[in-house]
C-alpha cells in the first residue's frame, strides 16, 4: 500500500522482486477485488430459499465471495514480504494520500451537487479518518513495523514458523470462532500483524512446499475457493444463516497464501504500465470507500442489479471504470505531493 516503491528496503529484501511486476500485478488484482467485495452486497443475499429456487445464481454469489475475500490478506502479505521500513518520505506519502482524498472527495461531491454544509463536511472528514477500519489498522501496522521487524530479524525460520502457527491457533479459536471484539473478525491491526509475519516468512522460506510450480498454487487457490463454496452452500442447505466467509477463516488464509505464491512464481519481468498502475492502486480503496462517495458507488451497483440481466458483466465494466478513474485521479495527487510536501522533506 501507499507508494509501493517505498515499502521495503533492508538487506534481506530480494532485489529481483523489487523490480519484477508480478507482485505489482497482485496489488492491482487485490484492489480490484476490494471493489468487487463492496459490490457483492447489492446482489441477492444467499439464503436457504435462494439456494432452493435459484441454485446456480446462489452458487455464483457464493463463489464471488470465495474469490474476493483474499483481497485484504494478499495486500498485507505483500507488505510483509517486502517489509515496511520506517522512512519519512514513504510515511508522509501514505498520510498525505489518505488526508488528500479524505478532504478532496467530499469537496468534489459538494461542488457536483451544488451543496456545501460546513458541519457535514467536518463530520465526513472525521468519519473518513476514524471510521474506516483498514486505515486505522494499516497505520497501526506501520507504527508497529519496527518492533515486528526486529522480532523477524532475530528469529530463526523455525521460531518464526512456530510463532505463526501459535498466532493462528489463537486467532482461529478466539477471533474466527469466538468472535473476540478486539480482533474484530480480522478487521484489526492484530490480524494484519499475523499476515505481515506470514509474508516475512514467505520471503525467507524459499524451498519445499514454497517452491512448487505456479500452477500448483493456482490449483490450491481455486480448489480452496470451491471448498469454501461447498461449505457455504451446505450451511445454507441445513439452515445455518451465519456466513463462513471472513478474513480469519483458515481456508481463506490458505487461499490468500496460494494466490500470493502463484503471483510470486510468475516470471513477467519489469512492465512499466503495471508498476505505474500499482503505485496508485491504494487510491481505489481510498476514493470509493470515502463516506460521500461510497453511497454513490452502492447506488450504481444497486441500479445495475435492478435494471440489467445478466448484471455481472455491466457491474464488471463499472468497476473497471471506477478503478481507472481512481488511479488516474491519484496521479494528479502524486503530482501535487511531489511539488509540495516532498520538496519540503528534502
C-alpha atoms as a PDB file:
ATOM      1  CA  UNK A   1       0.000   0.000   0.000  1.00  0.00           C
ATOM      2  CA  UNK A   2       0.989   3.649  -0.229  1.00  0.00           C
ATOM      3  CA  UNK A   3       3.696   4.422  -2.767  1.00  0.00           C
ATOM      4  CA  UNK A   4       4.810   0.869  -3.236  1.00  0.00           C
ATOM      5  CA  UNK A   5       8.350   1.518  -4.301  1.00  0.00           C
ATOM      6  CA  UNK A   6       8.880   2.755  -0.748  1.00  0.00           C
ATOM      7  CA  UNK A   7       7.603  -0.348   1.003  1.00  0.00           C
ATOM      8  CA  UNK A   8      10.614  -2.383   1.884  1.00  0.00           C
ATOM      9  CA  UNK A   9      14.287  -1.869   1.911  1.00  0.00           C
ATOM     10  CA  UNK A  10      16.795  -3.520   4.163  1.00  0.00           C
ATOM     11  CA  UNK A  11      19.434  -6.103   3.466  1.00  0.00           C
ATOM     12  CA  UNK A  12      17.071  -9.078   3.235  1.00  0.00           C
ATOM     13  CA  UNK A  13      14.867  -7.590   0.558  1.00  0.00           C
ATOM     14  CA  UNK A  14      15.084  -9.549  -2.745  1.00  0.00           C
ATOM     15  CA  UNK A  15      16.197  -7.125  -5.413  1.00  0.00           C
ATOM     16  CA  UNK A  16      14.628  -9.101  -8.250  1.00  0.00           C
ATOM     17  CA  UNK A  17      11.236  -8.892  -6.536  1.00  0.00           C
ATOM     18  CA  UNK A  18      11.646  -5.125  -6.212  1.00  0.00           C
ATOM     19  CA  UNK A  19      11.873  -4.751  -9.982  1.00  0.00           C
ATOM     20  CA  UNK A  20       9.542  -7.510 -11.127  1.00  0.00           C
ATOM     21  CA  UNK A  21       5.938  -6.634 -11.916  1.00  0.00           C
ATOM     22  CA  UNK A  22       4.482  -9.945 -10.731  1.00  0.00           C
ATOM     23  CA  UNK A  23       3.761  -8.736  -7.200  1.00  0.00           C
ATOM     24  CA  UNK A  24       2.638  -5.359  -8.535  1.00  0.00           C
ATOM     25  CA  UNK A  25       0.052  -7.207 -10.610  1.00  0.00           C
ATOM     26  CA  UNK A  26      -1.222  -8.853  -7.441  1.00  0.00           C
ATOM     27  CA  UNK A  27      -1.546  -5.409  -5.832  1.00  0.00           C
ATOM     28  CA  UNK A  28      -3.764  -4.348  -8.701  1.00  0.00           C
ATOM     29  CA  UNK A  29      -5.867  -7.502  -8.522  1.00  0.00           C
ATOM     30  CA  UNK A  30      -6.244  -7.178  -4.753  1.00  0.00           C
ATOM     31  CA  UNK A  31      -7.594  -3.643  -5.040  1.00  0.00           C
ATOM     32  CA  UNK A  32      -9.965  -4.677  -7.814  1.00  0.00           C
ATOM     33  CA  UNK A  33     -11.251  -7.484  -5.588  1.00  0.00           C
ATOM     34  CA  UNK A  34     -11.902  -4.863  -2.889  1.00  0.00           C
ATOM     35  CA  UNK A  35     -14.166  -3.102  -5.387  1.00  0.00           C
ATOM     36  CA  UNK A  36     -15.888  -6.391  -6.060  1.00  0.00           C
ATOM     37  CA  UNK A  37     -16.357  -7.312  -2.411  1.00  0.00           C
ATOM     38  CA  UNK A  38     -18.126  -3.968  -1.940  1.00  0.00           C
ATOM     39  CA  UNK A  39     -20.289  -4.689  -4.996  1.00  0.00           C
ATOM     40  CA  UNK A  40     -21.442  -8.072  -3.667  1.00  0.00           C
ATOM     41  CA  UNK A  41     -23.975  -6.669  -1.110  1.00  0.00           C
ATOM     42  CA  UNK A  42     -26.001  -5.215  -3.994  1.00  0.00           C
ATOM     43  CA  UNK A  43     -26.671  -8.760  -5.225  1.00  0.00           C
ATOM     44  CA  UNK A  44     -29.236 -11.109  -3.727  1.00  0.00           C
ATOM     45  CA  UNK A  45     -28.230 -12.342  -0.279  1.00  0.00           C
ATOM     46  CA  UNK A  46     -27.686 -16.130  -0.427  1.00  0.00           C
ATOM     47  CA  UNK A  47     -30.196 -17.936   1.791  1.00  0.00           C
ATOM     48  CA  UNK A  48     -31.776 -21.352   2.144  1.00  0.00           C
ATOM     49  CA  UNK A  49     -34.645 -20.164  -0.098  1.00  0.00           C
ATOM     50  CA  UNK A  50     -32.434 -18.688  -2.829  1.00  0.00           C
ATOM     51  CA  UNK A  51     -30.439 -21.913  -2.899  1.00  0.00           C
ATOM     52  CA  UNK A  52     -33.661 -23.889  -3.389  1.00  0.00           C
ATOM     53  CA  UNK A  53     -35.171 -21.636  -6.068  1.00  0.00           C
ATOM     54  CA  UNK A  54     -32.065 -20.293  -7.849  1.00  0.00           C
ATOM     55  CA  UNK A  55     -29.241 -22.720  -7.198  1.00  0.00           C
ATOM     56  CA  UNK A  56     -26.906 -21.510  -9.966  1.00  0.00           C
ATOM     57  CA  UNK A  57     -27.357 -17.853  -9.030  1.00  0.00           C
ATOM     58  CA  UNK A  58     -26.750 -18.569  -5.347  1.00  0.00           C
ATOM     59  CA  UNK A  59     -23.670 -20.670  -6.076  1.00  0.00           C
ATOM     60  CA  UNK A  60     -22.342 -17.866  -8.278  1.00  0.00           C
ATOM     61  CA  UNK A  61     -22.831 -15.345  -5.454  1.00  0.00           C
ATOM     62  CA  UNK A  62     -21.039 -17.648  -3.028  1.00  0.00           C
ATOM     63  CA  UNK A  63     -18.186 -18.184  -5.479  1.00  0.00           C
ATOM     64  CA  UNK A  64     -17.766 -14.411  -5.808  1.00  0.00           C
ATOM     65  CA  UNK A  65     -17.215 -14.318  -2.064  1.00  0.00           C
ATOM     66  CA  UNK A  66     -14.698 -17.170  -2.326  1.00  0.00           C
ATOM     67  CA  UNK A  67     -12.745 -15.247  -4.939  1.00  0.00           C
ATOM     68  CA  UNK A  68     -12.883 -11.831  -3.268  1.00  0.00           C
ATOM     69  CA  UNK A  69     -12.167 -12.500   0.397  1.00  0.00           C
ATOM     70  CA  UNK A  70      -8.433 -12.830  -0.280  1.00  0.00           C
ATOM     71  CA  UNK A  71      -8.170  -9.140  -1.212  1.00  0.00           C
ATOM     72  CA  UNK A  72      -7.014  -7.596   2.077  1.00  0.00           C
ATOM     73  CA  UNK A  73      -4.983 -10.650   3.065  1.00  0.00           C
ATOM     74  CA  UNK A  74      -2.961 -10.569  -0.161  1.00  0.00           C
ATOM     75  CA  UNK A  75      -2.298  -6.857   0.201  1.00  0.00           C
ATOM     76  CA  UNK A  76      -0.807  -7.325   3.658  1.00  0.00           C
ATOM     77  CA  UNK A  77       1.114 -10.442   2.615  1.00  0.00           C
ATOM     78  CA  UNK A  78       2.843  -8.201   0.073  1.00  0.00           C
ATOM     79  CA  UNK A  79       3.729  -5.662   2.763  1.00  0.00           C
ATOM     80  CA  UNK A  80       5.140  -8.448   4.942  1.00  0.00           C
ATOM     81  CA  UNK A  81       7.077  -9.960   2.055  1.00  0.00           C
ATOM     82  CA  UNK A  82       8.882  -6.710   1.245  1.00  0.00           C
ATOM     83  CA  UNK A  83       8.840  -5.358   4.800  1.00  0.00           C
ATOM     84  CA  UNK A  84       7.707  -1.929   5.958  1.00  0.00           C
ATOM     85  CA  UNK A  85      10.773   0.173   6.737  1.00  0.00           C
ATOM     86  CA  UNK A  86      10.423   3.468   8.549  1.00  0.00           C
ATOM     87  CA  UNK A  87      11.091   6.248   6.060  1.00  0.00           C
ATOM     88  CA  UNK A  88       9.770   9.767   6.476  1.00  0.00           C
ATOM     89  CA  UNK A  89       9.035  10.151   2.771  1.00  0.00           C
ATOM     90  CA  UNK A  90       7.012   6.951   2.431  1.00  0.00           C
ATOM     91  CA  UNK A  91       5.081   7.540   5.658  1.00  0.00           C
ATOM     92  CA  UNK A  92       4.342  11.150   4.701  1.00  0.00           C
ATOM     93  CA  UNK A  93       3.137   9.957   1.298  1.00  0.00           C
ATOM     94  CA  UNK A  94       0.782   7.476   2.970  1.00  0.00           C
ATOM     95  CA  UNK A  95      -0.659  10.111   5.314  1.00  0.00           C
ATOM     96  CA  UNK A  96      -0.846  12.709   2.534  1.00  0.00           C
ATOM     97  CA  UNK A  97      -2.694  10.266   0.269  1.00  0.00           C
ATOM     98  CA  UNK A  98      -5.227   9.428   2.991  1.00  0.00           C
ATOM     99  CA  UNK A  99      -5.791  13.060   4.004  1.00  0.00           C
ATOM    100  CA  UNK A 100      -5.908  14.288   0.413  1.00  0.00           C
ATOM    101  CA  UNK A 101      -8.783  12.033  -0.603  1.00  0.00           C
ATOM    102  CA  UNK A 102     -10.421  12.423   2.807  1.00  0.00           C
ATOM    103  CA  UNK A 103     -10.745  16.164   2.119  1.00  0.00           C
ATOM    104  CA  UNK A 104     -10.957  16.353  -1.683  1.00  0.00           C
ATOM    105  CA  UNK A 105     -13.692  13.744  -2.217  1.00  0.00           C
ATOM    106  CA  UNK A 106     -16.386  15.474  -0.101  1.00  0.00           C
ATOM    107  CA  UNK A 107     -15.434  18.823  -1.652  1.00  0.00           C
ATOM    108  CA  UNK A 108     -15.834  17.410  -5.163  1.00  0.00           C
ATOM    109  CA  UNK A 109     -19.191  15.838  -4.282  1.00  0.00           C
ATOM    110  CA  UNK A 110     -20.360  19.144  -2.777  1.00  0.00           C
ATOM    111  CA  UNK A 111     -19.271  21.014  -5.920  1.00  0.00           C
ATOM    112  CA  UNK A 112     -21.020  18.472  -8.167  1.00  0.00           C
ATOM    113  CA  UNK A 113     -24.286  18.657  -6.210  1.00  0.00           C
ATOM    114  CA  UNK A 114     -24.133  22.390  -5.595  1.00  0.00           C
ATOM    115  CA  UNK A 115     -24.455  21.965  -1.851  1.00  0.00           C
ATOM    116  CA  UNK A 116     -21.978  22.561   0.937  1.00  0.00           C
ATOM    117  CA  UNK A 117     -22.549  22.341   4.676  1.00  0.00           C
ATOM    118  CA  UNK A 118     -19.535  23.070   6.849  1.00  0.00           C
ATOM    119  CA  UNK A 119     -20.630  20.895   9.768  1.00  0.00           C
ATOM    120  CA  UNK A 120     -21.419  17.975   7.432  1.00  0.00           C
ATOM    121  CA  UNK A 121     -18.054  18.430   5.759  1.00  0.00           C
ATOM    122  CA  UNK A 122     -16.156  18.154   9.053  1.00  0.00           C
ATOM    123  CA  UNK A 123     -18.312  15.195  10.069  1.00  0.00           C
ATOM    124  CA  UNK A 124     -17.464  13.425   6.800  1.00  0.00           C
ATOM    125  CA  UNK A 125     -13.751  14.167   7.213  1.00  0.00           C
ATOM    126  CA  UNK A 126     -13.872  12.770  10.746  1.00  0.00           C
ATOM    127  CA  UNK A 127     -15.620   9.586   9.556  1.00  0.00           C
ATOM    128  CA  UNK A 128     -13.140   9.188   6.706  1.00  0.00           C
ATOM    129  CA  UNK A 129     -10.231   9.354   9.135  1.00  0.00           C
ATOM    130  CA  UNK A 130     -11.545   7.319  12.042  1.00  0.00           C
ATOM    131  CA  UNK A 131     -14.322   5.019  10.809  1.00  0.00           C
ATOM    132  CA  UNK A 132     -12.630   3.007   8.085  1.00  0.00           C
ATOM    133  CA  UNK A 133     -11.094   0.023   9.801  1.00  0.00           C
ATOM    134  CA  UNK A 134      -8.373  -0.628   7.265  1.00  0.00           C
ATOM    135  CA  UNK A 135      -6.887   2.855   7.510  1.00  0.00           C
ATOM    136  CA  UNK A 136      -6.647   2.623  11.295  1.00  0.00           C
ATOM    137  CA  UNK A 137      -5.265  -0.908  11.180  1.00  0.00           C
ATOM    138  CA  UNK A 138      -2.686  -0.205   8.469  1.00  0.00           C
ATOM    139  CA  UNK A 139      -1.349   2.928  10.147  1.00  0.00           C
ATOM    140  CA  UNK A 140      -1.126   0.878  13.338  1.00  0.00           C
ATOM    141  CA  UNK A 141       0.811  -1.803  11.477  1.00  0.00           C
ATOM    142  CA  UNK A 142       3.139   0.851  10.109  1.00  0.00           C
ATOM    143  CA  UNK A 143       3.771   2.220  13.618  1.00  0.00           C
ATOM    144  CA  UNK A 144       4.473  -1.275  14.987  1.00  0.00           C
ATOM    145  CA  UNK A 145       6.576  -2.365  11.996  1.00  0.00           C
ATOM    146  CA  UNK A 146       9.995  -1.625  13.575  1.00  0.00           C
ATOM    147  CA  UNK A 147       9.130  -3.822  16.559  1.00  0.00           C
ATOM    148  CA  UNK A 148       7.765  -6.625  14.349  1.00  0.00           C
ATOM    149  CA  UNK A 149      10.770  -6.387  12.016  1.00  0.00           C
ATOM    150  CA  UNK A 150      13.133  -6.698  14.972  1.00  0.00           C
ATOM    151  CA  UNK A 151      11.440  -9.950  16.016  1.00  0.00           C
ATOM    152  CA  UNK A 152      11.527 -11.261  12.446  1.00  0.00           C
ATOM    153  CA  UNK A 153      15.221 -10.487  12.011  1.00  0.00           C
ATOM    154  CA  UNK A 154      16.225 -12.077  15.330  1.00  0.00           C
ATOM    155  CA  UNK A 155      14.136 -15.245  14.988  1.00  0.00           C
ATOM    156  CA  UNK A 156      15.107 -18.356  13.048  1.00  0.00           C
ATOM    157  CA  UNK A 157      12.913 -19.872  10.320  1.00  0.00           C
ATOM    158  CA  UNK A 158      11.699 -22.467  12.798  1.00  0.00           C
ATOM    159  CA  UNK A 159      10.972 -19.951  15.557  1.00  0.00           C
ATOM    160  CA  UNK A 160       9.082 -17.678  13.186  1.00  0.00           C
ATOM    161  CA  UNK A 161       7.094 -20.603  11.803  1.00  0.00           C
ATOM    162  CA  UNK A 162       6.148 -21.874  15.282  1.00  0.00           C
ATOM    163  CA  UNK A 163       5.094 -18.387  16.341  1.00  0.00           C
ATOM    164  CA  UNK A 164       2.880 -18.012  13.251  1.00  0.00           C
ATOM    165  CA  UNK A 165       1.221 -21.373  13.967  1.00  0.00           C
ATOM    166  CA  UNK A 166       0.578 -20.353  17.584  1.00  0.00           C
ATOM    167  CA  UNK A 167      -0.697 -16.975  16.414  1.00  0.00           C
ATOM    168  CA  UNK A 168      -3.250 -18.535  14.074  1.00  0.00           C
ATOM    169  CA  UNK A 169      -4.369 -21.168  16.546  1.00  0.00           C
ATOM    170  CA  UNK A 170      -5.223 -18.286  18.870  1.00  0.00           C
ATOM    171  CA  UNK A 171      -6.667 -16.199  16.025  1.00  0.00           C
ATOM    172  CA  UNK A 172      -8.879 -19.032  14.780  1.00  0.00           C
ATOM    173  CA  UNK A 173     -10.166 -20.014  18.223  1.00  0.00           C
ATOM    174  CA  UNK A 174     -10.775 -16.558  19.680  1.00  0.00           C
ATOM    175  CA  UNK A 175     -11.140 -14.440  16.535  1.00  0.00           C
ATOM    176  CA  UNK A 176     -12.860 -16.582  13.914  1.00  0.00           C
ATOM    177  CA  UNK A 177     -14.825 -18.953  16.186  1.00  0.00           C
ATOM    178  CA  UNK A 178     -15.071 -16.888  19.375  1.00  0.00           C
ATOM    179  CA  UNK A 179     -15.686 -13.531  17.650  1.00  0.00           C
ATOM    180  CA  UNK A 180     -13.486 -11.673  20.160  1.00  0.00           C
ATOM    181  CA  UNK A 181     -14.303  -7.927  19.859  1.00  0.00           C
ATOM    182  CA  UNK A 182     -10.652  -6.857  19.948  1.00  0.00           C
ATOM    183  CA  UNK A 183      -9.855  -8.998  16.914  1.00  0.00           C
ATOM    184  CA  UNK A 184     -12.962  -7.721  15.106  1.00  0.00           C
ATOM    185  CA  UNK A 185     -13.267 -10.670  12.684  1.00  0.00           C
ATOM    186  CA  UNK A 186      -9.876  -9.927  11.141  1.00  0.00           C
ATOM    187  CA  UNK A 187     -10.501  -6.188  10.710  1.00  0.00           C
ATOM    188  CA  UNK A 188      -7.847  -5.074  13.193  1.00  0.00           C
ATOM    189  CA  UNK A 189      -4.150  -4.312  13.466  1.00  0.00           C
ATOM    190  CA  UNK A 190      -3.766  -7.615  15.345  1.00  0.00           C
ATOM    191  CA  UNK A 191      -4.871  -9.608  12.308  1.00  0.00           C
ATOM    192  CA  UNK A 192      -2.747  -7.562   9.922  1.00  0.00           C
ATOM    193  CA  UNK A 193       0.278  -8.376  12.077  1.00  0.00           C
ATOM    194  CA  UNK A 194      -0.313 -12.094  11.523  1.00  0.00           C
ATOM    195  CA  UNK A 195      -0.472 -11.677   7.752  1.00  0.00           C
ATOM    196  CA  UNK A 196       2.616  -9.460   7.838  1.00  0.00           C
ATOM    197  CA  UNK A 197       4.519 -12.219   9.654  1.00  0.00           C
ATOM    198  CA  UNK A 198       3.405 -14.798   7.062  1.00  0.00           C
ATOM    199  CA  UNK A 199       4.634 -12.502   4.284  1.00  0.00           C
ATOM    200  CA  UNK A 200       8.017 -12.209   6.010  1.00  0.00           C
ATOM    201  CA  UNK A 201       8.165 -15.983   6.430  1.00  0.00           C
ATOM    202  CA  UNK A 202       7.458 -16.494   2.713  1.00  0.00           C
ATOM    203  CA  UNK A 203      10.337 -14.163   1.903  1.00  0.00           C
ATOM    204  CA  UNK A 204      12.737 -16.253   3.986  1.00  0.00           C
ATOM    205  CA  UNK A 205      11.414 -19.722   3.165  1.00  0.00           C
ATOM    206  CA  UNK A 206      12.186 -20.448  -0.482  1.00  0.00           C
ATOM    207  CA  UNK A 207      12.121 -24.265  -0.625  1.00  0.00           C
ATOM    208  CA  UNK A 208       9.883 -27.279  -0.019  1.00  0.00           C
ATOM    209  CA  UNK A 209       6.168 -26.560  -0.394  1.00  0.00           C
ATOM    210  CA  UNK A 210       7.030 -22.901  -1.047  1.00  0.00           C
ATOM    211  CA  UNK A 211       8.943 -23.723  -4.228  1.00  0.00           C
ATOM    212  CA  UNK A 212       6.424 -25.678  -6.307  1.00  0.00           C
ATOM    213  CA  UNK A 213       5.053 -24.923  -9.756  1.00  0.00           C
ATOM    214  CA  UNK A 214       2.930 -21.785 -10.007  1.00  0.00           C
ATOM    215  CA  UNK A 215       0.113 -23.955 -11.365  1.00  0.00           C
ATOM    216  CA  UNK A 216       0.092 -25.939  -8.120  1.00  0.00           C
ATOM    217  CA  UNK A 217      -0.526 -22.726  -6.181  1.00  0.00           C
ATOM    218  CA  UNK A 218      -3.183 -21.617  -8.650  1.00  0.00           C
ATOM    219  CA  UNK A 219      -4.836 -25.004  -8.233  1.00  0.00           C
ATOM    220  CA  UNK A 220      -4.750 -24.698  -4.438  1.00  0.00           C
ATOM    221  CA  UNK A 221      -6.332 -21.250  -4.692  1.00  0.00           C
ATOM    222  CA  UNK A 222      -9.137 -22.482  -6.956  1.00  0.00           C
ATOM    223  CA  UNK A 223      -9.780 -25.737  -5.100  1.00  0.00           C
ATOM    224  CA  UNK A 224      -9.816 -23.979  -1.723  1.00  0.00           C
ATOM    225  CA  UNK A 225     -12.283 -21.487  -3.145  1.00  0.00           C
ATOM    226  CA  UNK A 226     -14.568 -24.335  -4.260  1.00  0.00           C
ATOM    227  CA  UNK A 227     -14.267 -25.926  -0.817  1.00  0.00           C
ATOM    228  CA  UNK A 228     -15.409 -22.640   0.710  1.00  0.00           C
ATOM    229  CA  UNK A 229     -18.287 -22.585  -1.772  1.00  0.00           C
ATOM    230  CA  UNK A 230     -19.295 -26.131  -0.795  1.00  0.00           C
ATOM    231  CA  UNK A 231     -19.129 -25.326   2.931  1.00  0.00           C
ATOM    232  CA  UNK A 232     -21.233 -22.185   2.495  1.00  0.00           C
ATOM    233  CA  UNK A 233     -23.802 -23.963   0.313  1.00  0.00           C
ATOM    234  CA  UNK A 234     -24.067 -26.887   2.731  1.00  0.00           C
ATOM    235  CA  UNK A 235     -24.549 -24.461   5.626  1.00  0.00           C
ATOM    236  CA  UNK A 236     -27.415 -22.769   3.773  1.00  0.00           C
ATOM    237  CA  UNK A 237     -28.888 -26.161   2.886  1.00  0.00           C
ATOM    238  CA  UNK A 238     -29.188 -27.157   6.560  1.00  0.00           C
ATOM    239  CA  UNK A 239     -30.464 -23.732   7.585  1.00  0.00           C
ATOM    240  CA  UNK A 240     -27.307 -22.172   9.060  1.00  0.00           C
ATOM    241  CA  UNK A 241     -27.515 -18.428   8.435  1.00  0.00           C
ATOM    242  CA  UNK A 242     -24.040 -17.477   9.718  1.00  0.00           C
ATOM    243  CA  UNK A 243     -21.613 -16.989   6.824  1.00  0.00           C
ATOM    244  CA  UNK A 244     -18.356 -18.984   6.956  1.00  0.00           C
ATOM    245  CA  UNK A 245     -16.608 -16.254   4.976  1.00  0.00           C
ATOM    246  CA  UNK A 246     -14.226 -13.975   6.819  1.00  0.00           C
ATOM    247  CA  UNK A 247     -10.635 -12.752   6.815  1.00  0.00           C
ATOM    248  CA  UNK A 248      -9.761 -15.082   9.711  1.00  0.00           C
ATOM    249  CA  UNK A 249     -11.149 -18.264   8.170  1.00  0.00           C
ATOM    250  CA  UNK A 250      -8.133 -20.638   7.899  1.00  0.00           C
ATOM    251  CA  UNK A 251      -9.225 -21.661   4.394  1.00  0.00           C
ATOM    252  CA  UNK A 252      -9.363 -18.020   3.287  1.00  0.00           C
ATOM    253  CA  UNK A 253      -5.860 -17.505   4.688  1.00  0.00           C
ATOM    254  CA  UNK A 254      -4.654 -20.617   2.844  1.00  0.00           C
ATOM    255  CA  UNK A 255      -6.341 -19.359  -0.314  1.00  0.00           C
ATOM    256  CA  UNK A 256      -4.609 -15.976   0.087  1.00  0.00           C
ATOM    257  CA  UNK A 257      -1.190 -17.570   0.557  1.00  0.00           C
ATOM    258  CA  UNK A 258      -1.702 -19.784  -2.502  1.00  0.00           C
ATOM    259  CA  UNK A 259      -2.668 -16.803  -4.686  1.00  0.00           C
ATOM    260  CA  UNK A 260       0.326 -14.842  -3.400  1.00  0.00           C
ATOM    261  CA  UNK A 261       2.691 -17.724  -4.192  1.00  0.00           C
ATOM    262  CA  UNK A 262       1.178 -18.060  -7.668  1.00  0.00           C
ATOM    263  CA  UNK A 263       1.978 -14.427  -8.463  1.00  0.00           C
ATOM    264  CA  UNK A 264       5.356 -14.712  -6.767  1.00  0.00           C
ATOM    265  CA  UNK A 265       6.264 -17.513  -9.184  1.00  0.00           C
ATOM    266  CA  UNK A 266       5.167 -15.573 -12.267  1.00  0.00           C
ATOM    267  CA  UNK A 267       8.097 -14.543 -14.418  1.00  0.00           C
ATOM    268  CA  UNK A 268       6.874 -11.478 -16.287  1.00  0.00           C
ATOM    269  CA  UNK A 269       9.833  -9.190 -15.677  1.00  0.00           C
ATOM    270  CA  UNK A 270       9.534  -5.432 -15.298  1.00  0.00           C
ATOM    271  CA  UNK A 271       6.472  -3.997 -17.065  1.00  0.00           C
ATOM    272  CA  UNK A 272       6.189  -0.233 -16.723  1.00  0.00           C
ATOM    273  CA  UNK A 273       2.439   0.138 -17.112  1.00  0.00           C
ATOM    274  CA  UNK A 274       1.757  -2.472 -14.404  1.00  0.00           C
ATOM    275  CA  UNK A 275       4.036  -0.698 -11.931  1.00  0.00           C
ATOM    276  CA  UNK A 276       2.531   2.660 -12.945  1.00  0.00           C
ATOM    277  CA  UNK A 277      -0.980   1.471 -12.095  1.00  0.00           C
ATOM    278  CA  UNK A 278       0.083  -0.388  -8.939  1.00  0.00           C
ATOM    279  CA  UNK A 279       1.695   2.750  -7.478  1.00  0.00           C
ATOM    280  CA  UNK A 280      -1.762   4.357  -7.252  1.00  0.00           C
ATOM    281  CA  UNK A 281      -3.923   1.304  -6.638  1.00  0.00           C
ATOM    282  CA  UNK A 282      -4.476   2.158  -2.955  1.00  0.00           C
ATOM    283  CA  UNK A 283      -6.364   5.234  -4.143  1.00  0.00           C
ATOM    284  CA  UNK A 284      -9.057   2.891  -5.476  1.00  0.00           C
ATOM    285  CA  UNK A 285      -9.850   1.916  -1.888  1.00  0.00           C
ATOM    286  CA  UNK A 286      -9.499   5.444  -0.503  1.00  0.00           C
ATOM    287  CA  UNK A 287     -11.788   7.015  -3.100  1.00  0.00           C
ATOM    288  CA  UNK A 288     -14.630   4.529  -3.445  1.00  0.00           C
ATOM    289  CA  UNK A 289     -14.934   3.932   0.336  1.00  0.00           C
ATOM    290  CA  UNK A 290     -14.881   7.671   1.131  1.00  0.00           C
ATOM    291  CA  UNK A 291     -18.076   8.473   3.054  1.00  0.00           C
ATOM    292  CA  UNK A 292     -19.561  10.814   0.465  1.00  0.00           C
ATOM    293  CA  UNK A 293     -18.570   8.615  -2.498  1.00  0.00           C
ATOM    294  CA  UNK A 294     -19.474   5.158  -1.163  1.00  0.00           C
ATOM    295  CA  UNK A 295     -23.275   5.731  -1.231  1.00  0.00           C
ATOM    296  CA  UNK A 296     -22.935   6.678  -4.901  1.00  0.00           C
ATOM    297  CA  UNK A 297     -20.930   3.541  -5.580  1.00  0.00           C
ATOM    298  CA  UNK A 298     -23.614   1.449  -3.885  1.00  0.00           C
ATOM    299  CA  UNK A 299     -26.356   3.299  -5.739  1.00  0.00           C
ATOM    300  CA  UNK A 300     -24.837   2.499  -9.135  1.00  0.00           C
ATOM    301  CA  UNK A 301     -24.293  -1.145  -8.154  1.00  0.00           C
ATOM    302  CA  UNK A 302     -27.912  -1.400  -6.998  1.00  0.00           C
ATOM    303  CA  UNK A 303     -29.123   0.236 -10.212  1.00  0.00           C
ATOM    304  CA  UNK A 304     -27.161  -2.238 -12.340  1.00  0.00           C
ATOM    305  CA  UNK A 305     -28.591  -5.165 -10.384  1.00  0.00           C
ATOM    306  CA  UNK A 306     -32.136  -3.844 -10.767  1.00  0.00           C
ATOM    307  CA  UNK A 307     -32.051  -2.947 -14.466  1.00  0.00           C
ATOM    308  CA  UNK A 308     -29.676  -5.309 -16.267  1.00  0.00           C
ATOM    309  CA  UNK A 309     -29.822  -9.059 -16.876  1.00  0.00           C
ATOM    310  CA  UNK A 310     -27.299 -10.573 -16.639  1.00  0.00           C
ATOM    311  CA  UNK A 311     -25.993  -7.852 -14.355  1.00  0.00           C
ATOM    312  CA  UNK A 312     -22.476  -9.025 -13.617  1.00  0.00           C
ATOM    313  CA  UNK A 313     -20.842  -8.038 -16.971  1.00  0.00           C
ATOM    314  CA  UNK A 314     -22.176  -4.491 -16.596  1.00  0.00           C
ATOM    315  CA  UNK A 315     -21.055  -4.363 -12.962  1.00  0.00           C
ATOM    316  CA  UNK A 316     -17.620  -5.551 -14.059  1.00  0.00           C
ATOM    317  CA  UNK A 317     -17.367  -2.735 -16.610  1.00  0.00           C
ATOM    318  CA  UNK A 318     -18.457  -0.240 -13.958  1.00  0.00           C
ATOM    319  CA  UNK A 319     -15.801  -1.478 -11.521  1.00  0.00           C
ATOM    320  CA  UNK A 320     -13.109  -1.275 -14.215  1.00  0.00           C
ATOM    321  CA  UNK A 321     -14.196   2.309 -14.845  1.00  0.00           C
ATOM    322  CA  UNK A 322     -14.024   3.167 -11.139  1.00  0.00           C
ATOM    323  CA  UNK A 323     -10.567   1.615 -10.945  1.00  0.00           C
ATOM    324  CA  UNK A 324      -9.231   3.552 -13.955  1.00  0.00           C
ATOM    325  CA  UNK A 325     -10.676   6.890 -12.819  1.00  0.00           C
ATOM    326  CA  UNK A 326      -9.313   6.413  -9.295  1.00  0.00           C
ATOM    327  CA  UNK A 327      -5.804   5.571 -10.497  1.00  0.00           C
ATOM    328  CA  UNK A 328      -5.678   8.487 -12.923  1.00  0.00           C
ATOM    329  CA  UNK A 329      -7.021  10.862 -10.265  1.00  0.00           C
ATOM    330  CA  UNK A 330      -4.283   9.718  -7.902  1.00  0.00           C
ATOM    331  CA  UNK A 331      -1.657  10.658 -10.481  1.00  0.00           C
ATOM    332  CA  UNK A 332      -2.831  14.255 -10.013  1.00  0.00           C
ATOM    333  CA  UNK A 333      -2.475  13.785  -6.258  1.00  0.00           C
ATOM    334  CA  UNK A 334       1.037  12.393  -6.732  1.00  0.00           C
ATOM    335  CA  UNK A 335       1.989  15.418  -8.863  1.00  0.00           C
ATOM    336  CA  UNK A 336       0.791  17.745  -6.102  1.00  0.00           C
ATOM    337  CA  UNK A 337       2.649  15.717  -3.465  1.00  0.00           C
ATOM    338  CA  UNK A 338       5.928  15.758  -5.401  1.00  0.00           C
ATOM    339  CA  UNK A 339       5.772  19.513  -5.943  1.00  0.00           C
ATOM    340  CA  UNK A 340       4.744  20.466  -2.418  1.00  0.00           C
ATOM    341  CA  UNK A 341       5.330  18.232   0.600  1.00  0.00           C
ATOM    342  CA  UNK A 342       8.085  16.135  -0.957  1.00  0.00           C
ATOM    343  CA  UNK A 343      10.135  19.254  -1.695  1.00  0.00           C
ATOM    344  CA  UNK A 344       9.801  20.340   1.915  1.00  0.00           C
ATOM    345  CA  UNK A 345      11.108  16.963   3.090  1.00  0.00           C
ATOM    346  CA  UNK A 346      14.258  17.165   1.005  1.00  0.00           C
END
